[in-house]
Amino acid sequence: MKPSSVRTAWVRALLGATLLGAVACTPIQVLTHSVSQNEARVPPGRYDIDQDHTSITFDIDHLKYTRFTMRFDRKQGELDWNDGGLDRSTASVAIDAASIDTNVPLLDKMVKSDSMLDVARYPQIRFASTRFERTGEAHGTLSGDLTIRGVTQPVTLDVTFNGFAPDPLTKKDTLGFSADGHFSRAKFGLSTWYPAVGDDIHVRIQAEFVKTPAGA
C-alpha cells in the first residue's frame, strides 16, 4: 500500500473512533438527565422559544378519509415566567404564515394565496395568552387571543408543563411544554374548500423555552 493510502486510512480510522466516542458518550448524558415539574424551582424571568426544538402542527379533515397534517416551520415567542408558576405567567407567539409546509408544494402556494391565509397582507399568525386555569399539578387550560388573517378570536389549549432543568448540552435553563387544542377556521373567515376540507382545526404544540440572558 502506498504511503498516501496508509495515511488516508489512518485518518479515516481516527475520525471514525472520534465519532464513535462522541456517539457513545452523548446518550449517557441524555439518559441520566431529569427534569422537574416543581414550578417553584423555575427561576423567574423571560424565556424565548427554542426554534430548533419546537414544533407547531395541525390537522384537518380531508374528504372524510384522513386528518391531513401540516406544520409551520418558523416561529418566535416568549414566556414571562413569574413567581407563582403557570397561574401567574404569560406567553406570546408569532408564527411566520409563509412558513407553512403541507409537504405538497402546489398546496403550499394555494394556502398562502389570498384565497386562504393571504400571507402577503397578513404575514404573521399571533397568539397571546390571557388566562390559565389549573386542572392538575402540571396541567391546565390556557386561554388566549389567536389572530389569523387580521381576525382575532379566543381559543383554549390544554397545556402540560413537562418540566424544567438546565439543558445538559447547552447548560441553559430550559422549560418544556405540550399543548393541544381545537378551533373553527370559519370564525377566522377561512371557509375555502369547505366541506371537502373540514372546519375543525386540531393544533398540537411541543415547545421548549430557553432562559434569556440577563440584559438581553
N, C-alpha and C. Protein backbone atom coordinates (compact mmCIF):
# COMPACT_ATOMS: atom_id res chain seq x y z
N MET A 1 0.85 -1.20 0.00
CA MET A 1 0.00 0.00 0.00
C MET A 1 0.88 1.25 0.00
N LYS A 2 0.51 2.23 -0.81
CA LYS A 2 1.28 3.47 -0.90
C LYS A 2 1.18 4.24 0.42
N PRO A 3 2.26 5.03 0.73
CA PRO A 3 2.23 5.83 1.96
C PRO A 3 1.02 6.73 2.06
N SER A 4 0.61 7.32 0.91
CA SER A 4 -0.55 8.22 0.93
C SER A 4 -1.82 7.46 1.28
N SER A 5 -1.92 6.20 0.79
CA SER A 5 -3.10 5.39 1.09
C SER A 5 -3.14 5.02 2.57
N VAL A 6 -1.94 4.70 3.11
CA VAL A 6 -1.86 4.35 4.52
C VAL A 6 -2.26 5.55 5.38
N ARG A 7 -1.79 6.73 4.99
CA ARG A 7 -2.11 7.95 5.74
C ARG A 7 -3.61 8.23 5.71
N THR A 8 -4.23 8.04 4.52
CA THR A 8 -5.67 8.26 4.38
C THR A 8 -6.46 7.30 5.25
N ALA A 9 -6.06 6.02 5.23
CA ALA A 9 -6.75 5.01 6.03
C ALA A 9 -6.63 5.32 7.51
N TRP A 10 -5.45 5.79 7.93
CA TRP A 10 -5.23 6.12 9.35
C TRP A 10 -6.11 7.28 9.79
N VAL A 11 -6.21 8.32 8.93
CA VAL A 11 -7.04 9.48 9.25
C VAL A 11 -8.51 9.07 9.36
N ARG A 12 -8.95 8.23 8.42
CA ARG A 12 -10.35 7.77 8.47
C ARG A 12 -10.63 6.98 9.74
N ALA A 13 -9.69 6.13 10.12
CA ALA A 13 -9.87 5.33 11.34
C ALA A 13 -9.93 6.22 12.57
N LEU A 14 -9.07 7.26 12.59
CA LEU A 14 -9.05 8.17 13.72
C LEU A 14 -10.36 8.94 13.82
N LEU A 15 -10.86 9.44 12.67
CA LEU A 15 -12.13 10.16 12.67
C LEU A 15 -13.27 9.26 13.09
N GLY A 16 -13.24 8.01 12.62
CA GLY A 16 -14.30 7.07 12.98
C GLY A 16 -14.32 6.81 14.48
N ALA A 17 -13.12 6.65 15.06
CA ALA A 17 -13.05 6.41 16.50
C ALA A 17 -13.55 7.61 17.28
N THR A 18 -13.23 8.82 16.79
CA THR A 18 -13.68 10.04 17.46
C THR A 18 -15.19 10.15 17.44
N LEU A 19 -15.78 9.89 16.26
CA LEU A 19 -17.24 9.97 16.12
C LEU A 19 -17.93 8.93 16.99
N LEU A 20 -17.39 7.72 17.01
CA LEU A 20 -17.99 6.67 17.83
C LEU A 20 -17.93 7.04 19.30
N GLY A 21 -16.82 7.67 19.70
CA GLY A 21 -16.70 8.09 21.08
C GLY A 21 -17.74 9.13 21.44
N ALA A 22 -17.98 10.08 20.51
CA ALA A 22 -18.98 11.12 20.75
C ALA A 22 -20.36 10.53 20.84
N VAL A 23 -20.67 9.60 19.93
CA VAL A 23 -21.99 8.97 19.93
C VAL A 23 -22.18 8.15 21.19
N ALA A 24 -21.11 7.50 21.64
CA ALA A 24 -21.22 6.65 22.83
C ALA A 24 -21.42 7.48 24.09
N CYS A 25 -20.84 8.68 24.12
CA CYS A 25 -20.92 9.50 25.33
C CYS A 25 -22.23 10.28 25.44
N THR A 26 -22.72 10.78 24.32
CA THR A 26 -23.90 11.65 24.35
C THR A 26 -25.12 10.98 24.97
N PRO A 27 -25.46 9.73 24.56
CA PRO A 27 -26.65 9.10 25.16
C PRO A 27 -26.56 8.98 26.68
N ILE A 28 -25.33 8.81 27.25
CA ILE A 28 -25.20 8.69 28.70
C ILE A 28 -25.67 9.97 29.37
N GLN A 29 -25.28 11.14 28.79
CA GLN A 29 -25.73 12.41 29.34
C GLN A 29 -27.24 12.52 29.28
N VAL A 30 -27.82 12.14 28.15
CA VAL A 30 -29.26 12.27 27.97
C VAL A 30 -30.01 11.32 28.89
N LEU A 31 -29.53 10.09 29.00
CA LEU A 31 -30.23 9.10 29.80
C LEU A 31 -30.20 9.44 31.29
N THR A 32 -29.17 10.12 31.75
CA THR A 32 -29.08 10.46 33.17
C THR A 32 -29.68 11.82 33.47
N HIS A 33 -30.21 12.47 32.44
CA HIS A 33 -30.81 13.80 32.61
C HIS A 33 -32.24 13.66 33.13
N SER A 34 -32.63 14.55 34.02
CA SER A 34 -34.00 14.53 34.53
C SER A 34 -34.51 15.96 34.63
N VAL A 35 -35.82 16.11 34.58
CA VAL A 35 -36.45 17.43 34.71
C VAL A 35 -37.42 17.40 35.87
N SER A 36 -37.77 18.59 36.35
CA SER A 36 -38.68 18.71 37.49
C SER A 36 -39.94 19.44 37.08
N GLN A 37 -41.08 18.94 37.52
CA GLN A 37 -42.36 19.62 37.29
C GLN A 37 -42.72 20.52 38.46
N ASN A 38 -41.80 20.70 39.38
CA ASN A 38 -42.00 21.60 40.51
C ASN A 38 -41.83 23.04 40.01
N GLU A 39 -42.92 23.75 39.84
CA GLU A 39 -42.87 25.09 39.25
C GLU A 39 -42.12 26.09 40.13
N ALA A 40 -42.06 25.82 41.43
CA ALA A 40 -41.37 26.73 42.34
C ALA A 40 -39.87 26.75 42.10
N ARG A 41 -39.35 25.74 41.41
CA ARG A 41 -37.91 25.66 41.16
C ARG A 41 -37.49 26.46 39.92
N VAL A 42 -38.46 26.91 39.14
CA VAL A 42 -38.14 27.62 37.89
C VAL A 42 -37.74 29.07 38.20
N PRO A 43 -36.57 29.52 37.78
CA PRO A 43 -36.17 30.91 38.02
C PRO A 43 -37.08 31.87 37.24
N PRO A 44 -37.61 32.90 37.89
CA PRO A 44 -38.44 33.87 37.17
C PRO A 44 -37.63 34.59 36.10
N GLY A 45 -38.35 35.08 35.09
CA GLY A 45 -37.68 35.82 34.03
C GLY A 45 -38.28 35.49 32.67
N ARG A 46 -37.63 35.99 31.63
CA ARG A 46 -38.12 35.78 30.27
C ARG A 46 -37.44 34.57 29.65
N TYR A 47 -38.24 33.76 28.99
CA TYR A 47 -37.74 32.59 28.27
C TYR A 47 -38.18 32.71 26.81
N ASP A 48 -37.26 32.43 25.89
CA ASP A 48 -37.57 32.51 24.46
C ASP A 48 -37.73 31.13 23.86
N ILE A 49 -38.57 31.02 22.85
CA ILE A 49 -38.77 29.75 22.16
C ILE A 49 -37.46 29.26 21.55
N ASP A 50 -37.18 28.00 21.75
CA ASP A 50 -36.08 27.33 21.05
C ASP A 50 -36.65 26.81 19.73
N GLN A 51 -36.37 27.53 18.64
CA GLN A 51 -36.98 27.18 17.36
C GLN A 51 -36.60 25.79 16.88
N ASP A 52 -35.39 25.33 17.23
CA ASP A 52 -34.94 24.03 16.77
C ASP A 52 -35.64 22.87 17.47
N HIS A 53 -36.23 23.16 18.62
CA HIS A 53 -36.87 22.08 19.39
C HIS A 53 -38.32 22.41 19.73
N THR A 54 -38.96 23.17 18.85
CA THR A 54 -40.37 23.49 19.00
C THR A 54 -41.09 23.15 17.71
N SER A 55 -42.21 22.48 17.80
CA SER A 55 -42.99 22.14 16.61
C SER A 55 -44.43 22.58 16.79
N ILE A 56 -44.99 23.14 15.71
CA ILE A 56 -46.40 23.54 15.68
C ILE A 56 -47.03 22.86 14.47
N THR A 57 -47.85 21.87 14.72
CA THR A 57 -48.51 21.14 13.65
C THR A 57 -50.02 21.21 13.84
N PHE A 58 -50.75 21.01 12.75
CA PHE A 58 -52.20 20.98 12.85
C PHE A 58 -52.75 20.03 11.80
N ASP A 59 -53.91 19.50 12.08
CA ASP A 59 -54.53 18.59 11.12
C ASP A 59 -56.00 18.96 10.93
N ILE A 60 -56.53 18.57 9.77
CA ILE A 60 -57.87 18.94 9.38
C ILE A 60 -58.47 17.83 8.51
N ASP A 61 -59.77 17.66 8.60
CA ASP A 61 -60.43 16.59 7.85
C ASP A 61 -60.30 16.80 6.34
N HIS A 62 -59.94 15.72 5.63
CA HIS A 62 -59.82 15.76 4.18
C HIS A 62 -60.74 14.70 3.57
N LEU A 63 -61.91 15.17 3.08
CA LEU A 63 -62.87 14.31 2.38
C LEU A 63 -63.32 13.10 3.20
N LYS A 64 -63.26 13.24 4.53
CA LYS A 64 -63.65 12.18 5.46
C LYS A 64 -62.72 10.97 5.42
N TYR A 65 -61.62 11.08 4.67
CA TYR A 65 -60.68 9.97 4.58
C TYR A 65 -59.64 10.01 5.70
N THR A 66 -59.07 11.21 5.92
CA THR A 66 -57.96 11.34 6.86
C THR A 66 -58.02 12.69 7.55
N ARG A 67 -57.17 12.84 8.55
CA ARG A 67 -56.87 14.14 9.13
C ARG A 67 -55.53 14.55 8.53
N PHE A 68 -55.58 15.42 7.54
CA PHE A 68 -54.38 15.85 6.81
C PHE A 68 -53.54 16.76 7.71
N THR A 69 -52.24 16.45 7.83
CA THR A 69 -51.37 17.15 8.77
C THR A 69 -50.43 18.12 8.06
N MET A 70 -50.29 19.31 8.64
CA MET A 70 -49.39 20.35 8.14
C MET A 70 -48.61 20.92 9.31
N ARG A 71 -47.63 21.78 8.98
CA ARG A 71 -46.84 22.39 10.06
C ARG A 71 -46.38 23.78 9.65
N PHE A 72 -45.96 24.54 10.66
CA PHE A 72 -45.31 25.82 10.44
C PHE A 72 -43.85 25.68 10.87
N ASP A 73 -42.94 26.12 10.02
CA ASP A 73 -41.52 25.91 10.27
C ASP A 73 -40.83 27.06 11.00
N ARG A 74 -41.38 28.27 10.93
CA ARG A 74 -40.71 29.41 11.57
C ARG A 74 -41.65 30.08 12.57
N LYS A 75 -41.14 30.26 13.78
CA LYS A 75 -41.94 30.86 14.85
C LYS A 75 -41.02 31.54 15.86
N GLN A 76 -41.56 32.52 16.52
CA GLN A 76 -40.88 33.21 17.61
C GLN A 76 -41.86 33.34 18.77
N GLY A 77 -41.33 33.44 19.95
CA GLY A 77 -42.23 33.61 21.08
C GLY A 77 -41.48 33.75 22.37
N GLU A 78 -42.18 34.22 23.37
CA GLU A 78 -41.55 34.36 24.68
C GLU A 78 -42.53 34.00 25.79
N LEU A 79 -41.97 33.56 26.87
CA LEU A 79 -42.72 33.19 28.07
C LEU A 79 -42.20 34.04 29.21
N ASP A 80 -43.07 34.80 29.83
CA ASP A 80 -42.72 35.58 31.02
C ASP A 80 -43.11 34.78 32.24
N TRP A 81 -42.11 34.15 32.85
CA TRP A 81 -42.36 33.26 33.99
C TRP A 81 -42.22 34.06 35.29
N ASN A 82 -43.26 34.02 36.10
CA ASN A 82 -43.28 34.77 37.36
C ASN A 82 -43.42 33.82 38.54
N ASP A 83 -43.08 34.33 39.72
CA ASP A 83 -43.31 33.56 40.94
C ASP A 83 -44.80 33.22 41.01
N GLY A 84 -45.10 31.97 41.29
CA GLY A 84 -46.49 31.52 41.26
C GLY A 84 -46.72 30.56 40.11
N GLY A 85 -45.70 30.43 39.24
CA GLY A 85 -45.77 29.42 38.20
C GLY A 85 -46.74 29.73 37.07
N LEU A 86 -47.35 28.69 36.56
CA LEU A 86 -48.24 28.80 35.40
C LEU A 86 -49.39 29.78 35.64
N ASP A 87 -49.87 29.83 36.87
CA ASP A 87 -51.03 30.68 37.17
C ASP A 87 -50.73 32.17 36.97
N ARG A 88 -49.47 32.56 37.10
CA ARG A 88 -49.12 33.97 37.04
C ARG A 88 -48.20 34.31 35.87
N SER A 89 -48.02 33.37 34.95
CA SER A 89 -47.12 33.58 33.82
C SER A 89 -47.90 33.78 32.53
N THR A 90 -47.26 34.40 31.55
CA THR A 90 -47.92 34.68 30.27
C THR A 90 -47.00 34.29 29.12
N ALA A 91 -47.64 34.03 27.98
CA ALA A 91 -46.87 33.62 26.79
C ALA A 91 -47.44 34.30 25.55
N SER A 92 -46.56 34.55 24.60
CA SER A 92 -46.98 35.09 23.31
C SER A 92 -46.14 34.44 22.22
N VAL A 93 -46.78 34.19 21.07
CA VAL A 93 -46.11 33.51 19.96
C VAL A 93 -46.47 34.19 18.66
N ALA A 94 -45.49 34.34 17.78
CA ALA A 94 -45.71 34.87 16.44
C ALA A 94 -45.21 33.83 15.44
N ILE A 95 -46.09 33.42 14.53
CA ILE A 95 -45.76 32.39 13.54
C ILE A 95 -45.65 33.04 12.16
N ASP A 96 -44.61 32.69 11.43
CA ASP A 96 -44.47 33.16 10.05
C ASP A 96 -45.45 32.38 9.19
N ALA A 97 -46.52 33.04 8.74
CA ALA A 97 -47.56 32.35 7.99
C ALA A 97 -47.03 31.74 6.70
N ALA A 98 -46.02 32.37 6.11
CA ALA A 98 -45.46 31.86 4.85
C ALA A 98 -44.61 30.61 5.04
N SER A 99 -44.37 30.23 6.31
CA SER A 99 -43.55 29.04 6.56
C SER A 99 -44.38 27.76 6.62
N ILE A 100 -45.64 27.85 6.23
CA ILE A 100 -46.49 26.65 6.25
C ILE A 100 -45.92 25.59 5.30
N ASP A 101 -45.94 24.35 5.74
CA ASP A 101 -45.41 23.24 4.96
C ASP A 101 -46.44 22.10 4.97
N THR A 102 -47.06 21.88 3.84
CA THR A 102 -48.05 20.80 3.71
C THR A 102 -47.43 19.54 3.13
N ASN A 103 -46.16 19.62 2.73
CA ASN A 103 -45.45 18.56 2.04
C ASN A 103 -45.94 18.39 0.60
N VAL A 104 -46.74 19.36 0.13
CA VAL A 104 -47.22 19.38 -1.26
C VAL A 104 -46.99 20.80 -1.78
N PRO A 105 -45.93 21.04 -2.55
CA PRO A 105 -45.58 22.40 -2.98
C PRO A 105 -46.74 23.18 -3.60
N LEU A 106 -47.53 22.55 -4.45
CA LEU A 106 -48.66 23.26 -5.07
C LEU A 106 -49.68 23.69 -4.02
N LEU A 107 -49.94 22.80 -3.06
CA LEU A 107 -50.88 23.13 -2.00
C LEU A 107 -50.34 24.26 -1.12
N ASP A 108 -49.02 24.26 -0.88
CA ASP A 108 -48.41 25.36 -0.12
C ASP A 108 -48.76 26.70 -0.76
N LYS A 109 -48.61 26.80 -2.07
CA LYS A 109 -48.90 28.05 -2.78
C LYS A 109 -50.37 28.43 -2.65
N MET A 110 -51.25 27.44 -2.73
CA MET A 110 -52.68 27.71 -2.64
C MET A 110 -53.07 28.21 -1.25
N VAL A 111 -52.49 27.60 -0.20
CA VAL A 111 -52.81 28.00 1.16
C VAL A 111 -52.25 29.39 1.47
N LYS A 112 -51.12 29.73 0.88
CA LYS A 112 -50.52 31.05 1.11
C LYS A 112 -51.21 32.16 0.32
N SER A 113 -51.99 31.80 -0.69
CA SER A 113 -52.61 32.79 -1.58
C SER A 113 -53.70 33.58 -0.86
N ASP A 114 -54.24 34.60 -1.57
CA ASP A 114 -55.26 35.45 -0.96
C ASP A 114 -56.60 34.74 -0.79
N SER A 115 -56.72 33.51 -1.31
CA SER A 115 -57.95 32.76 -1.11
C SER A 115 -57.96 32.03 0.23
N MET A 116 -56.79 32.02 0.90
CA MET A 116 -56.71 31.36 2.21
C MET A 116 -55.98 32.27 3.21
N LEU A 117 -54.72 32.03 3.49
CA LEU A 117 -54.02 32.80 4.52
C LEU A 117 -53.62 34.20 4.08
N ASP A 118 -53.47 34.40 2.79
CA ASP A 118 -53.09 35.72 2.24
C ASP A 118 -51.86 36.25 2.97
N VAL A 119 -50.76 35.49 2.87
CA VAL A 119 -49.56 35.82 3.62
C VAL A 119 -48.91 37.13 3.19
N ALA A 120 -49.20 37.58 1.96
CA ALA A 120 -48.64 38.85 1.50
C ALA A 120 -49.18 40.02 2.34
N ARG A 121 -50.45 39.95 2.72
CA ARG A 121 -51.08 41.02 3.51
C ARG A 121 -51.03 40.73 5.00
N TYR A 122 -51.03 39.46 5.37
CA TYR A 122 -51.05 39.07 6.79
C TYR A 122 -49.90 38.09 7.04
N PRO A 123 -48.68 38.60 7.19
CA PRO A 123 -47.51 37.72 7.28
C PRO A 123 -47.38 36.93 8.57
N GLN A 124 -48.13 37.31 9.61
CA GLN A 124 -47.97 36.61 10.88
C GLN A 124 -49.30 36.08 11.43
N ILE A 125 -49.20 34.96 12.10
CA ILE A 125 -50.27 34.42 12.92
C ILE A 125 -49.82 34.60 14.37
N ARG A 126 -50.67 35.18 15.22
CA ARG A 126 -50.25 35.52 16.57
C ARG A 126 -51.16 34.88 17.63
N PHE A 127 -50.52 34.56 18.76
CA PHE A 127 -51.28 34.09 19.92
C PHE A 127 -50.74 34.80 21.15
N ALA A 128 -51.65 35.32 21.98
CA ALA A 128 -51.27 35.97 23.24
C ALA A 128 -52.15 35.41 24.34
N SER A 129 -51.55 34.84 25.37
CA SER A 129 -52.33 34.24 26.45
C SER A 129 -53.02 35.30 27.29
N THR A 130 -54.18 34.93 27.83
CA THR A 130 -54.94 35.85 28.68
C THR A 130 -55.26 35.25 30.05
N ARG A 131 -55.34 33.92 30.14
CA ARG A 131 -55.74 33.31 31.42
C ARG A 131 -55.32 31.84 31.45
N PHE A 132 -54.89 31.39 32.62
CA PHE A 132 -54.56 29.97 32.83
C PHE A 132 -55.41 29.44 33.96
N GLU A 133 -56.06 28.31 33.72
CA GLU A 133 -56.87 27.66 34.75
C GLU A 133 -56.30 26.27 35.01
N ARG A 134 -55.91 26.03 36.24
CA ARG A 134 -55.25 24.77 36.59
C ARG A 134 -56.26 23.63 36.68
N THR A 135 -55.87 22.49 36.10
CA THR A 135 -56.70 21.29 36.17
C THR A 135 -55.96 20.14 36.84
N GLY A 136 -54.69 20.34 37.13
CA GLY A 136 -53.89 19.31 37.78
C GLY A 136 -52.57 19.91 38.22
N GLU A 137 -51.70 19.07 38.80
CA GLU A 137 -50.43 19.57 39.34
C GLU A 137 -49.58 20.24 38.27
N ALA A 138 -49.53 19.68 37.08
CA ALA A 138 -48.73 20.26 36.00
C ALA A 138 -49.57 20.42 34.73
N HIS A 139 -50.89 20.56 34.92
CA HIS A 139 -51.80 20.63 33.77
C HIS A 139 -52.77 21.80 33.94
N GLY A 140 -53.29 22.25 32.83
CA GLY A 140 -54.29 23.30 32.88
C GLY A 140 -54.75 23.70 31.49
N THR A 141 -55.68 24.64 31.44
CA THR A 141 -56.15 25.17 30.17
C THR A 141 -55.66 26.60 30.03
N LEU A 142 -55.05 26.87 28.90
CA LEU A 142 -54.52 28.20 28.62
C LEU A 142 -55.41 28.88 27.58
N SER A 143 -56.06 29.95 27.99
CA SER A 143 -56.91 30.72 27.07
C SER A 143 -56.10 31.90 26.52
N GLY A 144 -56.46 32.31 25.32
CA GLY A 144 -55.75 33.43 24.72
C GLY A 144 -56.42 33.91 23.46
N ASP A 145 -55.84 34.94 22.87
CA ASP A 145 -56.36 35.53 21.64
C ASP A 145 -55.50 35.07 20.47
N LEU A 146 -56.14 34.43 19.50
CA LEU A 146 -55.47 33.98 18.29
C LEU A 146 -55.86 34.88 17.13
N THR A 147 -54.87 35.38 16.41
CA THR A 147 -55.12 36.27 15.28
C THR A 147 -54.62 35.63 13.99
N ILE A 148 -55.55 35.41 13.06
CA ILE A 148 -55.22 34.85 11.75
C ILE A 148 -55.89 35.73 10.69
N ARG A 149 -55.11 36.14 9.73
CA ARG A 149 -55.62 36.96 8.63
C ARG A 149 -56.36 38.20 9.13
N GLY A 150 -55.83 38.81 10.19
CA GLY A 150 -56.39 40.04 10.71
C GLY A 150 -57.61 39.87 11.59
N VAL A 151 -58.05 38.63 11.81
CA VAL A 151 -59.21 38.35 12.66
C VAL A 151 -58.74 37.73 13.96
N THR A 152 -59.23 38.26 15.08
CA THR A 152 -58.83 37.76 16.40
C THR A 152 -60.02 37.06 17.06
N GLN A 153 -59.76 35.85 17.54
CA GLN A 153 -60.79 35.06 18.22
C GLN A 153 -60.16 34.39 19.45
N PRO A 154 -60.99 34.16 20.49
CA PRO A 154 -60.46 33.43 21.66
C PRO A 154 -60.32 31.95 21.37
N VAL A 155 -59.25 31.35 21.87
CA VAL A 155 -59.04 29.90 21.77
C VAL A 155 -58.54 29.40 23.12
N THR A 156 -58.69 28.09 23.33
CA THR A 156 -58.24 27.47 24.57
C THR A 156 -57.41 26.25 24.24
N LEU A 157 -56.27 26.12 24.92
CA LEU A 157 -55.38 24.99 24.72
C LEU A 157 -55.24 24.20 26.02
N ASP A 158 -55.21 22.89 25.91
CA ASP A 158 -54.89 22.04 27.05
C ASP A 158 -53.36 21.96 27.13
N VAL A 159 -52.81 22.37 28.27
CA VAL A 159 -51.36 22.51 28.40
C VAL A 159 -50.82 21.60 29.50
N THR A 160 -49.69 20.97 29.21
CA THR A 160 -48.95 20.20 30.21
C THR A 160 -47.55 20.78 30.35
N PHE A 161 -47.16 21.07 31.59
CA PHE A 161 -45.81 21.51 31.87
C PHE A 161 -44.95 20.25 32.03
N ASN A 162 -44.11 19.97 31.03
CA ASN A 162 -43.33 18.74 31.04
C ASN A 162 -42.17 18.78 32.02
N GLY A 163 -41.64 19.99 32.28
CA GLY A 163 -40.60 20.07 33.28
C GLY A 163 -39.55 21.12 33.00
N PHE A 164 -38.70 21.32 34.02
CA PHE A 164 -37.63 22.31 33.97
C PHE A 164 -36.32 21.68 34.41
N ALA A 165 -35.23 22.13 33.77
CA ALA A 165 -33.88 21.77 34.19
C ALA A 165 -32.89 22.50 33.29
N PRO A 166 -31.67 22.69 33.74
CA PRO A 166 -30.64 23.17 32.83
C PRO A 166 -30.43 22.13 31.72
N ASP A 167 -30.38 22.57 30.48
CA ASP A 167 -30.14 21.65 29.37
C ASP A 167 -28.76 21.01 29.54
N PRO A 168 -28.65 19.67 29.46
CA PRO A 168 -27.35 19.03 29.70
C PRO A 168 -26.30 19.35 28.65
N LEU A 169 -26.73 19.84 27.49
CA LEU A 169 -25.78 20.16 26.43
C LEU A 169 -25.42 21.65 26.41
N THR A 170 -26.44 22.52 26.53
CA THR A 170 -26.18 23.96 26.46
C THR A 170 -25.96 24.59 27.83
N LYS A 171 -26.38 23.89 28.90
CA LYS A 171 -26.31 24.37 30.28
C LYS A 171 -27.27 25.53 30.56
N LYS A 172 -28.16 25.83 29.63
CA LYS A 172 -29.11 26.93 29.81
C LYS A 172 -30.41 26.42 30.47
N ASP A 173 -31.00 27.24 31.33
CA ASP A 173 -32.28 26.88 31.94
C ASP A 173 -33.33 26.71 30.85
N THR A 174 -34.02 25.58 30.86
CA THR A 174 -34.95 25.25 29.78
C THR A 174 -36.25 24.70 30.34
N LEU A 175 -37.36 25.13 29.76
CA LEU A 175 -38.69 24.64 30.12
C LEU A 175 -39.30 23.90 28.93
N GLY A 176 -40.10 22.87 29.21
CA GLY A 176 -40.76 22.13 28.14
C GLY A 176 -42.25 22.02 28.37
N PHE A 177 -43.03 22.19 27.28
CA PHE A 177 -44.49 22.15 27.35
C PHE A 177 -45.06 21.34 26.19
N SER A 178 -46.23 20.77 26.42
CA SER A 178 -47.05 20.18 25.36
C SER A 178 -48.41 20.87 25.41
N ALA A 179 -48.98 21.14 24.24
CA ALA A 179 -50.29 21.80 24.19
C ALA A 179 -51.11 21.22 23.05
N ASP A 180 -52.42 21.26 23.23
CA ASP A 180 -53.33 20.63 22.29
C ASP A 180 -54.65 21.41 22.31
N GLY A 181 -55.22 21.67 21.14
CA GLY A 181 -56.48 22.41 21.10
C GLY A 181 -57.19 22.32 19.76
N HIS A 182 -58.41 22.86 19.72
CA HIS A 182 -59.22 22.87 18.51
C HIS A 182 -59.83 24.26 18.31
N PHE A 183 -60.03 24.63 17.05
CA PHE A 183 -60.79 25.84 16.77
C PHE A 183 -61.41 25.76 15.37
N SER A 184 -62.41 26.59 15.14
CA SER A 184 -63.11 26.63 13.85
C SER A 184 -62.42 27.61 12.92
N ARG A 185 -62.03 27.16 11.76
CA ARG A 185 -61.37 28.08 10.80
C ARG A 185 -62.37 29.07 10.22
N ALA A 186 -63.65 28.70 10.18
CA ALA A 186 -64.66 29.60 9.63
C ALA A 186 -64.75 30.89 10.44
N LYS A 187 -64.47 30.82 11.74
CA LYS A 187 -64.54 32.01 12.58
C LYS A 187 -63.46 33.03 12.22
N PHE A 188 -62.46 32.58 11.47
CA PHE A 188 -61.40 33.49 11.02
C PHE A 188 -61.58 33.85 9.54
N GLY A 189 -62.75 33.53 8.99
CA GLY A 189 -63.01 33.83 7.59
C GLY A 189 -62.33 32.90 6.63
N LEU A 190 -61.94 31.71 7.09
CA LEU A 190 -61.21 30.75 6.27
C LEU A 190 -62.12 29.57 5.90
N SER A 191 -63.07 29.82 5.04
CA SER A 191 -64.04 28.77 4.68
C SER A 191 -63.77 28.15 3.31
N THR A 192 -62.65 28.52 2.68
CA THR A 192 -62.32 27.98 1.36
C THR A 192 -62.26 26.46 1.38
N TRP A 193 -62.85 25.85 0.34
CA TRP A 193 -62.85 24.40 0.10
C TRP A 193 -63.77 23.62 1.04
N TYR A 194 -64.53 24.31 1.88
CA TYR A 194 -65.48 23.60 2.74
C TYR A 194 -66.67 23.15 1.88
N PRO A 195 -67.22 21.94 2.05
CA PRO A 195 -66.93 20.96 3.11
C PRO A 195 -65.92 19.88 2.75
N ALA A 196 -65.34 19.95 1.53
CA ALA A 196 -64.33 18.95 1.18
C ALA A 196 -63.21 18.94 2.20
N VAL A 197 -62.84 20.14 2.65
CA VAL A 197 -61.87 20.28 3.73
C VAL A 197 -62.65 20.75 4.96
N GLY A 198 -62.48 20.06 6.07
CA GLY A 198 -63.28 20.32 7.26
C GLY A 198 -63.08 21.70 7.87
N ASP A 199 -63.92 22.00 8.86
CA ASP A 199 -63.85 23.29 9.55
C ASP A 199 -63.00 23.22 10.81
N ASP A 200 -63.03 22.08 11.50
CA ASP A 200 -62.32 21.94 12.77
C ASP A 200 -60.82 21.77 12.55
N ILE A 201 -60.03 22.63 13.14
CA ILE A 201 -58.58 22.53 13.09
C ILE A 201 -58.07 22.07 14.44
N HIS A 202 -57.31 20.99 14.40
CA HIS A 202 -56.71 20.43 15.61
C HIS A 202 -55.24 20.85 15.65
N VAL A 203 -54.85 21.57 16.70
CA VAL A 203 -53.48 22.08 16.83
C VAL A 203 -52.73 21.26 17.87
N ARG A 204 -51.46 20.94 17.56
CA ARG A 204 -50.60 20.24 18.50
C ARG A 204 -49.27 20.99 18.58
N ILE A 205 -48.83 21.24 19.81
CA ILE A 205 -47.62 22.03 20.01
C ILE A 205 -46.70 21.29 20.98
N GLN A 206 -45.43 21.23 20.62
CA GLN A 206 -44.38 20.77 21.51
C GLN A 206 -43.37 21.92 21.57
N ALA A 207 -43.16 22.49 22.74
CA ALA A 207 -42.36 23.71 22.82
C ALA A 207 -41.32 23.66 23.92
N GLU A 208 -40.13 24.15 23.58
CA GLU A 208 -39.08 24.36 24.57
C GLU A 208 -38.79 25.87 24.63
N PHE A 209 -38.65 26.37 25.85
CA PHE A 209 -38.31 27.77 26.08
C PHE A 209 -36.99 27.85 26.84
N VAL A 210 -36.11 28.73 26.40
CA VAL A 210 -34.78 28.85 26.98
C VAL A 210 -34.65 30.20 27.68
N LYS A 211 -34.05 30.20 28.87
CA LYS A 211 -33.90 31.42 29.67
C LYS A 211 -33.10 32.47 28.91
N THR A 212 -33.66 33.67 28.83
CA THR A 212 -32.99 34.78 28.16
C THR A 212 -31.90 35.33 29.07
N PRO A 213 -30.68 35.50 28.54
CA PRO A 213 -29.59 36.03 29.39
C PRO A 213 -29.94 37.40 29.96
N ALA A 214 -29.50 37.68 31.15
CA ALA A 214 -29.75 38.96 31.79
C ALA A 214 -29.19 40.09 30.92
N GLY A 215 -30.00 41.12 30.74
CA GLY A 215 -29.58 42.28 29.96
C GLY A 215 -29.85 42.16 28.48
N ALA A 216 -30.34 40.99 28.04
CA ALA A 216 -30.61 40.81 26.61
C ALA A 216 -31.89 41.54 26.22
